[in-house]
Amino acid sequence: MNNIELSFCIPTYNRAQIVYKLVTEILLCSDPAIEVVVLDNGSSDDTLSILRAIKDDRLCVYSNGENKGALFNMVNVLNKGTGKYLVYSTDQDHIDYNKIIGFKMFLLQHANLAGGFCTFNSESKIDYEIIPQGYQAVSKIAYQGRHPTGYFFNNELLKSIKLVDRFSDYDFVDLFPLEFAFAELCVMGDGAIYHKSIFTPETGVRVVTHKSSTTDGKSKKAFFMPEARLKLAVNYTKHISTLPIASFEKSSLILDTFLRELSAATIGYRSILINENLCTHYYMTCRDIKIIELFGIGWNFYKLFLIESTTVLDSGFMNPLKFKILVILKLIQKIVSRCARLLK
């Protein structure tokens, strides 16, 4: 009988020493009810031999045999976890093993919990937030596009939505399958945000040292490129239209996700291109984007979104005209809010 309560699920590729450090950090926790699941994506270094030399029954090491892509590795490593709850981590991030038991107890104490995420370096005065299932949980947890380390899931519910079968199409989910999964889980159970910083993402000089194995910044398919963010906004919209929630709630989610992806395609895109560490990490040359170019990117994003989402927007709960009006009102609201903060 399986007595695993929490599975740490880690996809890896050609980062032998780094993933070894992460795995051994987790295993410093003496809790017998945790496991570490690593899925190697055909590494050409000594990842497998180093991990298989670790003598701990709580470690499960699997291999794809060949590189099957980052998306395949992401969804399949979660599928291999056997714990009541699963937590995802990239292979280059870090964990405070002293906080694992407290995190596990938090999960087990909330019977209706479907999934959520851990924040990094949180300044919150509360340890966690529980968001009621349905629209509230979806709006706070899903379609956020956060760094996925610290994403956690109720394993039984995750298996029930058939993550691997339904969210392995790169053309639809890009590298964000877990955002779609969150949306469906959050209409089945409560969402949660855990503020006690258990994970620390790789940043700064370490980002330069360990270049991306999944993203080529020179490709228009790179997740931060405007074209990729547009595709994601359109596909989020299509997915939202299928959720079993009220029409006005779908409208609100579509508007919010559109604005979030618009921001990612413009301001977020610019912030990456002027960051030397990130440009090195993603094999790019740094450059600045002037206001006129940024406006052009945003306007093109808006026009193409309307064209590609017309069928959904015309399906009864938000016509294109209503969408245009709401976008303008939201943008005005954001500008006013920003100006108010600057004047304080």
C-alpha atoms as a PDB file:
ATOM      1  CA  MET A   1       0.000   0.000   0.000  1.00  0.00           C
ATOM      2  CA  ASN A   2       1.387   3.402  -0.977  1.00  0.00           C
ATOM      3  CA  ASN A   3       2.033   5.632   2.028  1.00  0.00           C
ATOM      4  CA  ILE A   4       3.649   8.523   0.150  1.00  0.00           C
ATOM      5  CA  GLU A   5       2.064  11.833   1.088  1.00  0.00           C
ATOM      6  CA  LEU A   6       4.186  14.254  -0.960  1.00  0.00           C
ATOM      7  CA  SER A   7       6.080  13.698  -4.220  1.00  0.00           C
ATOM      8  CA  PHE A   8       8.728  16.155  -5.426  1.00  0.00           C
ATOM      9  CA  CYS A   9       8.644  15.885  -9.222  1.00  0.00           C
ATOM     10  CA  ILE A  10      11.723  17.101 -11.096  1.00  0.00           C
ATOM     11  CA  PRO A  11      12.307  16.946 -14.866  1.00  0.00           C
ATOM     12  CA  THR A  12      15.967  17.216 -15.834  1.00  0.00           C
ATOM     13  CA  TYR A  13      18.304  17.403 -18.805  1.00  0.00           C
ATOM     14  CA  ASN A  14      22.116  17.661 -18.789  1.00  0.00           C
ATOM     15  CA  ARG A  15      22.415  19.244 -15.358  1.00  0.00           C
ATOM     16  CA  ALA A  16      23.959  16.383 -13.424  1.00  0.00           C
ATOM     17  CA  GLN A  17      25.617  18.299 -10.592  1.00  0.00           C
ATOM     18  CA  ILE A  18      22.813  20.806 -10.178  1.00  0.00           C
ATOM     19  CA  VAL A  19      19.982  18.279 -10.044  1.00  0.00           C
ATOM     20  CA  TYR A  20      22.098  16.113  -7.729  1.00  0.00           C
ATOM     21  CA  LYS A  21      22.371  19.035  -5.307  1.00  0.00           C
ATOM     22  CA  LEU A  22      18.611  19.654  -5.413  1.00  0.00           C
ATOM     23  CA  VAL A  23      17.766  15.973  -4.898  1.00  0.00           C
ATOM     24  CA  THR A  24      20.158  15.569  -1.985  1.00  0.00           C
ATOM     25  CA  GLU A  25      18.825  18.776  -0.417  1.00  0.00           C
ATOM     26  CA  ILE A  26      15.302  17.326  -0.424  1.00  0.00           C
ATOM     27  CA  LEU A  27      16.460  13.962   0.901  1.00  0.00           C
ATOM     28  CA  LEU A  28      18.035  15.661   3.923  1.00  0.00           C
ATOM     29  CA  CYS A  29      14.458  15.787   5.184  1.00  0.00           C
ATOM     30  CA  SER A  30      14.015  12.581   7.210  1.00  0.00           C
ATOM     31  CA  ASP A  31      10.279  12.228   6.549  1.00  0.00           C
ATOM     32  CA  PRO A  32       9.635   8.671   5.246  1.00  0.00           C
ATOM     33  CA  ALA A  33       6.346   9.762   3.619  1.00  0.00           C
ATOM     34  CA  ILE A  34       7.992  11.890   0.910  1.00  0.00           C
ATOM     35  CA  GLU A  35       9.516  10.805  -2.381  1.00  0.00           C
ATOM     36  CA  VAL A  36      11.659  12.452  -5.042  1.00  0.00           C
ATOM     37  CA  VAL A  37      10.784  11.591  -8.642  1.00  0.00           C
ATOM     38  CA  VAL A  38      13.273  12.570 -11.343  1.00  0.00           C
ATOM     39  CA  LEU A  39      12.616  12.069 -15.061  1.00  0.00           C
ATOM     40  CA  ASP A  40      15.741  12.435 -17.197  1.00  0.00           C
ATOM     41  CA  ASN A  41      15.157  13.621 -20.761  1.00  0.00           C
ATOM     42  CA  GLY A  42      17.973  11.740 -22.511  1.00  0.00           C
ATOM     43  CA  SER A  43      20.892  13.564 -20.895  1.00  0.00           C
ATOM     44  CA  SER A  44      24.299  13.093 -22.520  1.00  0.00           C
ATOM     45  CA  ASP A  45      26.155  13.814 -19.266  1.00  0.00           C
ATOM     46  CA  ASP A  46      26.360  11.547 -16.198  1.00  0.00           C
ATOM     47  CA  THR A  47      22.990  12.571 -14.714  1.00  0.00           C
ATOM     48  CA  LEU A  48      21.639   9.021 -14.493  1.00  0.00           C
ATOM     49  CA  SER A  49      24.738   7.411 -13.001  1.00  0.00           C
ATOM     50  CA  ILE A  50      25.124  10.147 -10.379  1.00  0.00           C
ATOM     51  CA  LEU A  51      21.471   9.993  -9.312  1.00  0.00           C
ATOM     52  CA  ARG A  52      21.304   6.194  -9.314  1.00  0.00           C
ATOM     53  CA  ALA A  53      24.318   6.089  -7.011  1.00  0.00           C
ATOM     54  CA  ILE A  54      22.252   7.796  -4.276  1.00  0.00           C
ATOM     55  CA  LYS A  55      21.213   5.181  -1.722  1.00  0.00           C
ATOM     56  CA  ASP A  56      17.756   6.252  -0.600  1.00  0.00           C
ATOM     57  CA  ASP A  57      14.574   4.282  -1.232  1.00  0.00           C
ATOM     58  CA  ARG A  58      12.625   7.554  -1.441  1.00  0.00           C
ATOM     59  CA  LEU A  59      14.344   8.452  -4.726  1.00  0.00           C
ATOM     60  CA  CYS A  60      12.818   7.220  -8.004  1.00  0.00           C
ATOM     61  CA  VAL A  61      14.866   7.908 -11.138  1.00  0.00           C
ATOM     62  CA  TYR A  62      13.366   7.404 -14.598  1.00  0.00           C
ATOM     63  CA  SER A  63      14.685   8.037 -18.098  1.00  0.00           C
ATOM     64  CA  ASN A  64      13.016   8.808 -21.413  1.00  0.00           C
ATOM     65  CA  GLY A  65      15.997   7.258 -23.199  1.00  0.00           C
ATOM     66  CA  GLU A  66      16.095  10.175 -25.610  1.00  0.00           C
ATOM     67  CA  ASN A  67      15.202  13.859 -25.522  1.00  0.00           C
ATOM     68  CA  LYS A  68      11.439  14.048 -26.045  1.00  0.00           C
ATOM     69  CA  GLY A  69      11.140  17.774 -25.407  1.00  0.00           C
ATOM     70  CA  ALA A  70      10.596  19.910 -22.322  1.00  0.00           C
ATOM     71  CA  LEU A  71       6.794  19.701 -22.471  1.00  0.00           C
ATOM     72  CA  PHE A  72       6.825  15.888 -22.541  1.00  0.00           C
ATOM     73  CA  ASN A  73       9.174  15.786 -19.552  1.00  0.00           C
ATOM     74  CA  MET A  74       7.131  18.304 -17.581  1.00  0.00           C
ATOM     75  CA  VAL A  75       3.794  16.522 -17.762  1.00  0.00           C
ATOM     76  CA  ASN A  76       5.183  12.998 -17.537  1.00  0.00           C
ATOM     77  CA  VAL A  77       7.265  13.545 -14.413  1.00  0.00           C
ATOM     78  CA  LEU A  78       4.085  14.624 -12.616  1.00  0.00           C
ATOM     79  CA  ASN A  79       2.337  11.552 -13.945  1.00  0.00           C
ATOM     80  CA  LYS A  80       4.957   9.359 -12.253  1.00  0.00           C
ATOM     81  CA  GLY A  81       4.481  10.846  -8.778  1.00  0.00           C
ATOM     82  CA  THR A  82       2.619   8.539  -6.372  1.00  0.00           C
ATOM     83  CA  GLY A  83       2.043  10.856  -3.422  1.00  0.00           C
ATOM     84  CA  LYS A  84      -1.275  12.237  -2.270  1.00  0.00           C
ATOM     85  CA  TYR A  85       0.109  15.622  -3.289  1.00  0.00           C
ATOM     86  CA  LEU A  86       2.649  16.484  -5.974  1.00  0.00           C
ATOM     87  CA  VAL A  87       4.972  19.472  -6.058  1.00  0.00           C
ATOM     88  CA  TYR A  88       6.840  20.456  -9.209  1.00  0.00           C
ATOM     89  CA  SER A  89      10.363  21.851  -9.365  1.00  0.00           C
ATOM     90  CA  THR A  90      12.694  22.656 -12.231  1.00  0.00           C
ATOM     91  CA  ASP A  91      16.094  21.021 -11.908  1.00  0.00           C
ATOM     92  CA  GLN A  92      18.113  24.174 -11.203  1.00  0.00           C
ATOM     93  CA  ASP A  93      16.182  25.673  -8.289  1.00  0.00           C
ATOM     94  CA  HIS A  94      16.721  25.257  -4.557  1.00  0.00           C
ATOM     95  CA  ILE A  95      14.738  24.154  -1.526  1.00  0.00           C
ATOM     96  CA  ASP A  96      14.929  24.646   2.237  1.00  0.00           C
ATOM     97  CA  TYR A  97      14.555  21.056   3.429  1.00  0.00           C
ATOM     98  CA  ASN A  98      13.803  22.242   6.968  1.00  0.00           C
ATOM     99  CA  LYS A  99      10.465  23.578   5.708  1.00  0.00           C
ATOM    100  CA  ILE A 100       9.307  20.428   3.903  1.00  0.00           C
ATOM    101  CA  ILE A 101       7.413  18.849   6.798  1.00  0.00           C
ATOM    102  CA  GLY A 102       5.562  22.085   7.553  1.00  0.00           C
ATOM    103  CA  PHE A 103       4.606  22.393   3.890  1.00  0.00           C
ATOM    104  CA  LYS A 104       3.393  18.801   3.773  1.00  0.00           C
ATOM    105  CA  MET A 105       1.274  19.286   6.903  1.00  0.00           C
ATOM    106  CA  PHE A 106      -0.310  22.378   5.361  1.00  0.00           C
ATOM    107  CA  LEU A 107      -1.372  20.322   2.341  1.00  0.00           C
ATOM    108  CA  LEU A 108      -2.746  17.433   4.398  1.00  0.00           C
ATOM    109  CA  GLN A 109      -4.743  19.718   6.687  1.00  0.00           C
ATOM    110  CA  HIS A 110      -6.879  21.062   3.833  1.00  0.00           C
ATOM    111  CA  ALA A 111      -9.033  18.221   2.542  1.00  0.00           C
ATOM    112  CA  ASN A 112     -10.640  20.191  -0.317  1.00  0.00           C
ATOM    113  CA  LEU A 113      -7.359  21.507  -1.726  1.00  0.00           C
ATOM    114  CA  ALA A 114      -6.969  20.985  -5.484  1.00  0.00           C
ATOM    115  CA  GLY A 115      -3.761  22.874  -6.184  1.00  0.00           C
ATOM    116  CA  GLY A 116      -1.833  26.094  -5.933  1.00  0.00           C
ATOM    117  CA  PHE A 117       1.637  27.603  -5.853  1.00  0.00           C
ATOM    118  CA  CYS A 118       4.410  28.657  -3.487  1.00  0.00           C
ATOM    119  CA  THR A 119       5.596  32.248  -3.617  1.00  0.00           C
ATOM    120  CA  PHE A 120       9.275  33.248  -3.587  1.00  0.00           C
ATOM    121  CA  ASN A 121      10.698  35.676  -1.031  1.00  0.00           C
ATOM    122  CA  SER A 122       7.204  36.604   0.093  1.00  0.00           C
ATOM    123  CA  GLU A 123       6.695  39.558   2.409  1.00  0.00           C
ATOM    124  CA  SER A 124       3.174  38.424   3.261  1.00  0.00           C
ATOM    125  CA  LYS A 125       2.220  38.564   6.941  1.00  0.00           C
ATOM    126  CA  ILE A 126       0.151  35.403   6.547  1.00  0.00           C
ATOM    127  CA  ASP A 127       1.495  31.909   5.902  1.00  0.00           C
ATOM    128  CA  TYR A 128      -1.006  30.945   3.227  1.00  0.00           C
ATOM    129  CA  GLU A 129      -4.266  31.810   1.476  1.00  0.00           C
ATOM    130  CA  ILE A 130      -7.085  29.386   0.727  1.00  0.00           C
ATOM    131  CA  ILE A 131      -9.220  30.496  -2.236  1.00  0.00           C
ATOM    132  CA  PRO A 132     -12.695  28.943  -2.590  1.00  0.00           C
ATOM    133  CA  GLN A 133     -13.181  26.635  -5.563  1.00  0.00           C
ATOM    134  CA  GLY A 134     -14.766  27.988  -8.711  1.00  0.00           C
ATOM    135  CA  TYR A 135     -14.192  31.364 -10.315  1.00  0.00           C
ATOM    136  CA  GLN A 136     -12.289  32.815  -7.338  1.00  0.00           C
ATOM    137  CA  ALA A 137      -9.722  30.027  -7.311  1.00  0.00           C
ATOM    138  CA  VAL A 138      -9.348  29.986 -11.109  1.00  0.00           C
ATOM    139  CA  SER A 139      -8.775  33.750 -11.227  1.00  0.00           C
ATOM    140  CA  LYS A 140      -6.082  33.645  -8.516  1.00  0.00           C
ATOM    141  CA  ILE A 141      -4.282  30.431  -9.448  1.00  0.00           C
ATOM    142  CA  ALA A 142      -4.696  29.569 -13.151  1.00  0.00           C
ATOM    143  CA  TYR A 143      -3.398  31.238 -16.337  1.00  0.00           C
ATOM    144  CA  GLN A 144      -0.761  33.199 -14.390  1.00  0.00           C
ATOM    145  CA  GLY A 145       2.318  31.973 -16.268  1.00  0.00           C
ATOM    146  CA  ARG A 146       4.502  31.988 -13.165  1.00  0.00           C
ATOM    147  CA  HIS A 147       7.825  30.198 -12.813  1.00  0.00           C
ATOM    148  CA  PRO A 148       6.470  26.681 -12.120  1.00  0.00           C
ATOM    149  CA  THR A 149       8.756  25.604  -9.291  1.00  0.00           C
ATOM    150  CA  GLY A 150       6.532  25.240  -6.234  1.00  0.00           C
ATOM    151  CA  TYR A 151       3.349  24.423  -8.142  1.00  0.00           C
ATOM    152  CA  PHE A 152       1.468  21.781  -6.152  1.00  0.00           C
ATOM    153  CA  PHE A 153      -1.422  19.497  -7.031  1.00  0.00           C
ATOM    154  CA  ASN A 154      -3.872  17.025  -5.545  1.00  0.00           C
ATOM    155  CA  ASN A 155      -2.657  13.902  -7.345  1.00  0.00           C
ATOM    156  CA  GLU A 156      -6.039  12.158  -7.526  1.00  0.00           C
ATOM    157  CA  LEU A 157      -7.663  15.217  -9.118  1.00  0.00           C
ATOM    158  CA  LEU A 158      -4.734  15.759 -11.477  1.00  0.00           C
ATOM    159  CA  LYS A 159      -4.966  12.170 -12.676  1.00  0.00           C
ATOM    160  CA  SER A 160      -8.708  12.586 -13.192  1.00  0.00           C
ATOM    161  CA  ILE A 161      -8.259  15.366 -15.793  1.00  0.00           C
ATOM    162  CA  LYS A 162      -5.768  13.244 -17.785  1.00  0.00           C
ATOM    163  CA  LEU A 163      -2.924  15.756 -17.815  1.00  0.00           C
ATOM    164  CA  VAL A 164      -0.635  13.816 -20.155  1.00  0.00           C
ATOM    165  CA  ASP A 165      -3.334  12.880 -22.676  1.00  0.00           C
ATOM    166  CA  ARG A 166      -4.969  16.308 -22.874  1.00  0.00           C
ATOM    167  CA  PHE A 167      -2.182  18.847 -22.299  1.00  0.00           C
ATOM    168  CA  SER A 168       0.801  17.536 -24.278  1.00  0.00           C
ATOM    169  CA  ASP A 169       0.101  19.468 -27.488  1.00  0.00           C
ATOM    170  CA  TYR A 170       2.788  22.140 -27.708  1.00  0.00           C
ATOM    171  CA  ASP A 171       0.844  24.114 -30.313  1.00  0.00           C
ATOM    172  CA  PHE A 172      -1.950  24.572 -27.790  1.00  0.00           C
ATOM    173  CA  VAL A 173      -0.318  24.760 -24.341  1.00  0.00           C
ATOM    174  CA  ASP A 174       3.230  25.862 -25.282  1.00  0.00           C
ATOM    175  CA  LEU A 175       5.307  25.325 -22.100  1.00  0.00           C
ATOM    176  CA  PHE A 176       2.358  26.186 -19.846  1.00  0.00           C
ATOM    177  CA  PRO A 177       0.319  22.970 -19.495  1.00  0.00           C
ATOM    178  CA  LEU A 178       0.034  23.429 -15.751  1.00  0.00           C
ATOM    179  CA  GLU A 179      -1.887  26.695 -16.164  1.00  0.00           C
ATOM    180  CA  PHE A 180      -4.623  24.849 -18.067  1.00  0.00           C
ATOM    181  CA  ALA A 181      -4.574  22.067 -15.485  1.00  0.00           C
ATOM    182  CA  PHE A 182      -4.918  24.581 -12.636  1.00  0.00           C
ATOM    183  CA  ALA A 183      -8.057  26.044 -14.211  1.00  0.00           C
ATOM    184  CA  GLU A 184      -9.801  22.687 -14.319  1.00  0.00           C
ATOM    185  CA  LEU A 185      -8.634  21.660 -10.851  1.00  0.00           C
ATOM    186  CA  CYS A 186      -9.814  24.929  -9.330  1.00  0.00           C
ATOM    187  CA  VAL A 187     -13.408  24.253 -10.323  1.00  0.00           C
ATOM    188  CA  MET A 188     -13.081  20.879  -8.562  1.00  0.00           C
ATOM    189  CA  GLY A 189     -11.523  22.070  -5.312  1.00  0.00           C
ATOM    190  CA  ASP A 190      -9.981  25.022  -3.468  1.00  0.00           C
ATOM    191  CA  GLY A 191      -6.863  26.810  -4.617  1.00  0.00           C
ATOM    192  CA  ALA A 192      -4.042  27.916  -2.340  1.00  0.00           C
ATOM    193  CA  ILE A 193      -1.077  30.286  -2.257  1.00  0.00           C
ATOM    194  CA  TYR A 194       1.683  29.246   0.161  1.00  0.00           C
ATOM    195  CA  HIS A 195       3.778  32.178   1.369  1.00  0.00           C
ATOM    196  CA  LYS A 196       6.366  30.486   3.610  1.00  0.00           C
ATOM    197  CA  SER A 197       9.327  30.541   1.235  1.00  0.00           C
ATOM    198  CA  ILE A 198      10.324  26.915   0.778  1.00  0.00           C
ATOM    199  CA  PHE A 199      11.752  27.264  -2.768  1.00  0.00           C
ATOM    200  CA  THR A 200      14.340  29.677  -4.178  1.00  0.00           C
ATOM    201  CA  PRO A 201      14.562  30.039  -7.969  1.00  0.00           C
ATOM    202  CA  GLU A 202      17.841  30.300  -9.820  1.00  0.00           C
ATOM    203  CA  THR A 203      18.678  33.963 -10.479  1.00  0.00           C
ATOM    204  CA  GLY A 204      21.482  36.348 -11.352  1.00  0.00           C
ATOM    205  CA  VAL A 205      24.897  34.926 -12.189  1.00  0.00           C
ATOM    206  CA  ARG A 206      23.621  31.340 -11.848  1.00  0.00           C
ATOM    207  CA  VAL A 207      21.217  32.007 -14.717  1.00  0.00           C
ATOM    208  CA  VAL A 208      24.170  32.963 -16.918  1.00  0.00           C
ATOM    209  CA  THR A 209      26.168  29.901 -15.871  1.00  0.00           C
ATOM    210  CA  HIS A 210      23.329  27.467 -16.500  1.00  0.00           C
ATOM    211  CA  LYS A 211      21.914  28.347 -19.905  1.00  0.00           C
ATOM    212  CA  SER A 212      18.398  27.314 -20.867  1.00  0.00           C
ATOM    213  CA  SER A 213      18.001  23.788 -22.228  1.00  0.00           C
ATOM    214  CA  THR A 214      14.405  24.437 -23.321  1.00  0.00           C
ATOM    215  CA  THR A 215      14.228  27.929 -24.866  1.00  0.00           C
ATOM    216  CA  ASP A 216      16.104  29.535 -27.762  1.00  0.00           C
ATOM    217  CA  GLY A 217      15.486  33.270 -27.474  1.00  0.00           C
ATOM    218  CA  LYS A 218      16.166  33.783 -31.176  1.00  0.00           C
ATOM    219  CA  SER A 219      13.083  31.744 -32.103  1.00  0.00           C
ATOM    220  CA  LYS A 220       9.633  33.319 -32.371  1.00  0.00           C
ATOM    221  CA  LYS A 221       8.401  30.246 -30.504  1.00  0.00           C
ATOM    222  CA  ALA A 222      10.277  31.275 -27.352  1.00  0.00           C
ATOM    223  CA  PHE A 223       7.700  31.588 -24.582  1.00  0.00           C
ATOM    224  CA  PHE A 224       8.359  35.306 -23.989  1.00  0.00           C
ATOM    225  CA  MET A 225       8.083  36.370 -27.640  1.00  0.00           C
ATOM    226  CA  PRO A 226       4.963  38.432 -28.550  1.00  0.00           C
ATOM    227  CA  GLU A 227       3.891  35.772 -31.058  1.00  0.00           C
ATOM    228  CA  ALA A 228       4.011  33.062 -28.393  1.00  0.00           C
ATOM    229  CA  ARG A 229       2.129  35.191 -25.864  1.00  0.00           C
ATOM    230  CA  LEU A 230      -0.574  35.900 -28.453  1.00  0.00           C
ATOM    231  CA  LYS A 231      -1.002  32.194 -29.143  1.00  0.00           C
ATOM    232  CA  LEU A 232      -1.250  31.573 -25.414  1.00  0.00           C
ATOM    233  CA  ALA A 233      -3.835  34.342 -24.910  1.00  0.00           C
ATOM    234  CA  VAL A 234      -5.996  32.910 -27.694  1.00  0.00           C
ATOM    235  CA  ASN A 235      -5.735  29.355 -26.371  1.00  0.00           C
ATOM    236  CA  TYR A 236      -6.411  30.446 -22.784  1.00  0.00           C
ATOM    237  CA  THR A 237      -9.566  32.116 -24.123  1.00  0.00           C
ATOM    238  CA  LYS A 238     -10.660  28.948 -25.873  1.00  0.00           C
ATOM    239  CA  HIS A 239     -10.033  26.932 -22.718  1.00  0.00           C
ATOM    240  CA  ILE A 240     -11.863  29.393 -20.465  1.00  0.00           C
ATOM    241  CA  SER A 241     -14.920  29.077 -22.691  1.00  0.00           C
ATOM    242  CA  THR A 242     -15.124  25.363 -21.768  1.00  0.00           C
ATOM    243  CA  LEU A 243     -15.027  25.791 -17.974  1.00  0.00           C
ATOM    244  CA  PRO A 244     -18.206  24.997 -16.010  1.00  0.00           C
ATOM    245  CA  ILE A 245     -18.612  28.500 -14.589  1.00  0.00           C
ATOM    246  CA  ALA A 246     -21.038  31.379 -15.217  1.00  0.00           C
ATOM    247  CA  SER A 247     -20.840  33.398 -18.450  1.00  0.00           C
ATOM    248  CA  PHE A 248     -19.982  36.653 -16.679  1.00  0.00           C
ATOM    249  CA  GLU A 249     -17.153  34.837 -14.874  1.00  0.00           C
ATOM    250  CA  LYS A 250     -15.795  33.577 -18.192  1.00  0.00           C
ATOM    251  CA  SER A 251     -15.902  37.141 -19.542  1.00  0.00           C
ATOM    252  CA  SER A 252     -13.937  38.422 -16.580  1.00  0.00           C
ATOM    253  CA  LEU A 253     -11.313  35.673 -16.903  1.00  0.00           C
ATOM    254  CA  ILE A 254     -10.901  36.275 -20.636  1.00  0.00           C
ATOM    255  CA  LEU A 255     -10.393  39.992 -20.106  1.00  0.00           C
ATOM    256  CA  ASP A 256      -7.879  39.465 -17.303  1.00  0.00           C
ATOM    257  CA  THR A 257      -5.869  36.834 -19.167  1.00  0.00           C
ATOM    258  CA  PHE A 258      -5.817  38.979 -22.321  1.00  0.00           C
ATOM    259  CA  LEU A 259      -4.426  41.969 -20.403  1.00  0.00           C
ATOM    260  CA  ARG A 260      -1.900  39.776 -18.576  1.00  0.00           C
ATOM    261  CA  GLU A 261      -0.608  38.315 -21.846  1.00  0.00           C
ATOM    262  CA  LEU A 262      -0.620  41.736 -23.516  1.00  0.00           C
ATOM    263  CA  SER A 263       1.589  42.984 -20.697  1.00  0.00           C
ATOM    264  CA  ALA A 264       3.863  39.947 -21.056  1.00  0.00           C
ATOM    265  CA  ALA A 265       4.135  40.531 -24.829  1.00  0.00           C
ATOM    266  CA  THR A 266       5.147  44.167 -24.388  1.00  0.00           C
ATOM    267  CA  ILE A 267       6.480  45.253 -20.994  1.00  0.00           C
ATOM    268  CA  GLY A 268       7.558  41.738 -20.047  1.00  0.00           C
ATOM    269  CA  TYR A 269       9.236  41.193 -23.406  1.00  0.00           C
ATOM    270  CA  ARG A 270      11.145  44.461 -23.096  1.00  0.00           C
ATOM    271  CA  SER A 271      12.271  43.634 -19.538  1.00  0.00           C
ATOM    272  CA  ILE A 272      13.831  40.386 -20.769  1.00  0.00           C
ATOM    273  CA  LEU A 273      15.593  42.007 -23.736  1.00  0.00           C
ATOM    274  CA  ILE A 274      17.309  44.609 -21.535  1.00  0.00           C
ATOM    275  CA  ASN A 275      18.433  42.061 -18.923  1.00  0.00           C
ATOM    276  CA  GLU A 276      21.958  40.885 -19.754  1.00  0.00           C
ATOM    277  CA  ASN A 277      21.767  37.782 -17.572  1.00  0.00           C
ATOM    278  CA  LEU A 278      18.508  36.604 -19.120  1.00  0.00           C
ATOM    279  CA  CYS A 279      19.684  37.355 -22.652  1.00  0.00           C
ATOM    280  CA  THR A 280      22.767  35.219 -22.052  1.00  0.00           C
ATOM    281  CA  HIS A 281      20.590  32.495 -20.533  1.00  0.00           C
ATOM    282  CA  TYR A 282      18.368  32.449 -23.629  1.00  0.00           C
ATOM    283  CA  TYR A 283      21.173  32.876 -26.220  1.00  0.00           C
ATOM    284  CA  MET A 284      20.155  36.414 -27.245  1.00  0.00           C
ATOM    285  CA  THR A 285      21.717  39.800 -27.797  1.00  0.00           C
ATOM    286  CA  CYS A 286      20.432  42.532 -25.488  1.00  0.00           C
ATOM    287  CA  ARG A 287      18.570  45.485 -26.958  1.00  0.00           C
ATOM    288  CA  ASP A 288      16.105  48.118 -25.847  1.00  0.00           C
ATOM    289  CA  ILE A 289      12.604  48.515 -27.261  1.00  0.00           C
ATOM    290  CA  LYS A 290      11.474  52.100 -27.767  1.00  0.00           C
ATOM    291  CA  ILE A 291       7.958  53.268 -26.950  1.00  0.00           C
ATOM    292  CA  ILE A 292       6.838  53.417 -30.600  1.00  0.00           C
ATOM    293  CA  GLU A 293       7.913  49.814 -31.242  1.00  0.00           C
ATOM    294  CA  LEU A 294       6.325  48.711 -27.971  1.00  0.00           C
ATOM    295  CA  PHE A 295       3.048  50.368 -28.935  1.00  0.00           C
ATOM    296  CA  GLY A 296       3.188  48.685 -32.341  1.00  0.00           C
ATOM    297  CA  ILE A 297       3.661  45.276 -30.722  1.00  0.00           C
ATOM    298  CA  GLY A 298       0.716  45.912 -28.402  1.00  0.00           C
ATOM    299  CA  TRP A 299      -1.583  47.145 -31.164  1.00  0.00           C
ATOM    300  CA  ASN A 300      -0.759  44.175 -33.381  1.00  0.00           C
ATOM    301  CA  PHE A 301      -1.347  41.818 -30.439  1.00  0.00           C
ATOM    302  CA  TYR A 302      -4.770  43.369 -29.830  1.00  0.00           C
ATOM    303  CA  LYS A 303      -5.846  43.200 -33.498  1.00  0.00           C
ATOM    304  CA  LEU A 304      -4.737  39.605 -34.002  1.00  0.00           C
ATOM    305  CA  PHE A 305      -6.308  38.500 -30.733  1.00  0.00           C
ATOM    306  CA  LEU A 306      -9.679  39.842 -31.866  1.00  0.00           C
ATOM    307  CA  ILE A 307      -9.360  38.091 -35.226  1.00  0.00           C
ATOM    308  CA  GLU A 308      -8.288  34.747 -33.765  1.00  0.00           C
ATOM    309  CA  SER A 309     -10.775  34.811 -30.855  1.00  0.00           C
ATOM    310  CA  THR A 310     -13.861  36.028 -32.738  1.00  0.00           C
ATOM    311  CA  THR A 311     -15.592  32.646 -32.622  1.00  0.00           C
ATOM    312  CA  VAL A 312     -15.248  32.427 -28.853  1.00  0.00           C
ATOM    313  CA  LEU A 313     -16.147  36.058 -28.212  1.00  0.00           C
ATOM    314  CA  ASP A 314     -19.234  35.701 -30.415  1.00  0.00           C
ATOM    315  CA  SER A 315     -20.409  32.550 -28.662  1.00  0.00           C
ATOM    316  CA  GLY A 316     -22.818  34.384 -26.376  1.00  0.00           C
ATOM    317  CA  PHE A 317     -21.072  35.675 -23.278  1.00  0.00           C
ATOM    318  CA  MET A 318     -18.871  38.479 -24.650  1.00  0.00           C
ATOM    319  CA  ASN A 319     -19.141  39.995 -28.129  1.00  0.00           C
ATOM    320  CA  PRO A 320     -16.130  41.800 -29.671  1.00  0.00           C
ATOM    321  CA  LEU A 321     -17.608  45.278 -29.075  1.00  0.00           C
ATOM    322  CA  LYS A 322     -18.100  44.604 -25.381  1.00  0.00           C
ATOM    323  CA  PHE A 323     -14.567  43.232 -25.216  1.00  0.00           C
ATOM    324  CA  LYS A 324     -13.127  46.390 -26.824  1.00  0.00           C
ATOM    325  CA  ILE A 325     -14.969  48.645 -24.376  1.00  0.00           C
ATOM    326  CA  LEU A 326     -13.870  46.612 -21.359  1.00  0.00           C
ATOM    327  CA  VAL A 327     -10.243  46.579 -22.527  1.00  0.00           C
ATOM    328  CA  ILE A 328     -10.232  50.383 -22.845  1.00  0.00           C
ATOM    329  CA  LEU A 329     -11.826  50.807 -19.412  1.00  0.00           C
ATOM    330  CA  LYS A 330      -9.360  48.389 -17.800  1.00  0.00           C
ATOM    331  CA  LEU A 331      -6.373  50.116 -19.385  1.00  0.00           C
ATOM    332  CA  ILE A 332      -7.606  53.523 -18.208  1.00  0.00           C
ATOM    333  CA  GLN A 333      -8.086  52.098 -14.730  1.00  0.00           C
ATOM    334  CA  LYS A 334      -4.529  50.730 -14.709  1.00  0.00           C
ATOM    335  CA  ILE A 335      -3.073  54.042 -15.915  1.00  0.00           C
ATOM    336  CA  VAL A 336      -4.968  56.011 -13.268  1.00  0.00           C
ATOM    337  CA  SER A 337      -3.886  53.541 -10.585  1.00  0.00           C
ATOM    338  CA  ARG A 338      -0.249  53.781 -11.696  1.00  0.00           C
ATOM    339  CA  CYS A 339      -0.332  57.578 -11.679  1.00  0.00           C
ATOM    340  CA  ALA A 340      -1.901  57.604  -8.212  1.00  0.00           C
ATOM    341  CA  ARG A 341       0.925  55.433  -6.871  1.00  0.00           C
ATOM    342  CA  LEU A 342       3.546  57.686  -8.449  1.00  0.00           C
ATOM    343  CA  LEU A 343       1.983  60.787  -6.872  1.00  0.00           C
ATOM    344  CA  LYS A 344       2.024  59.367  -3.343  1.00  0.00           C
END
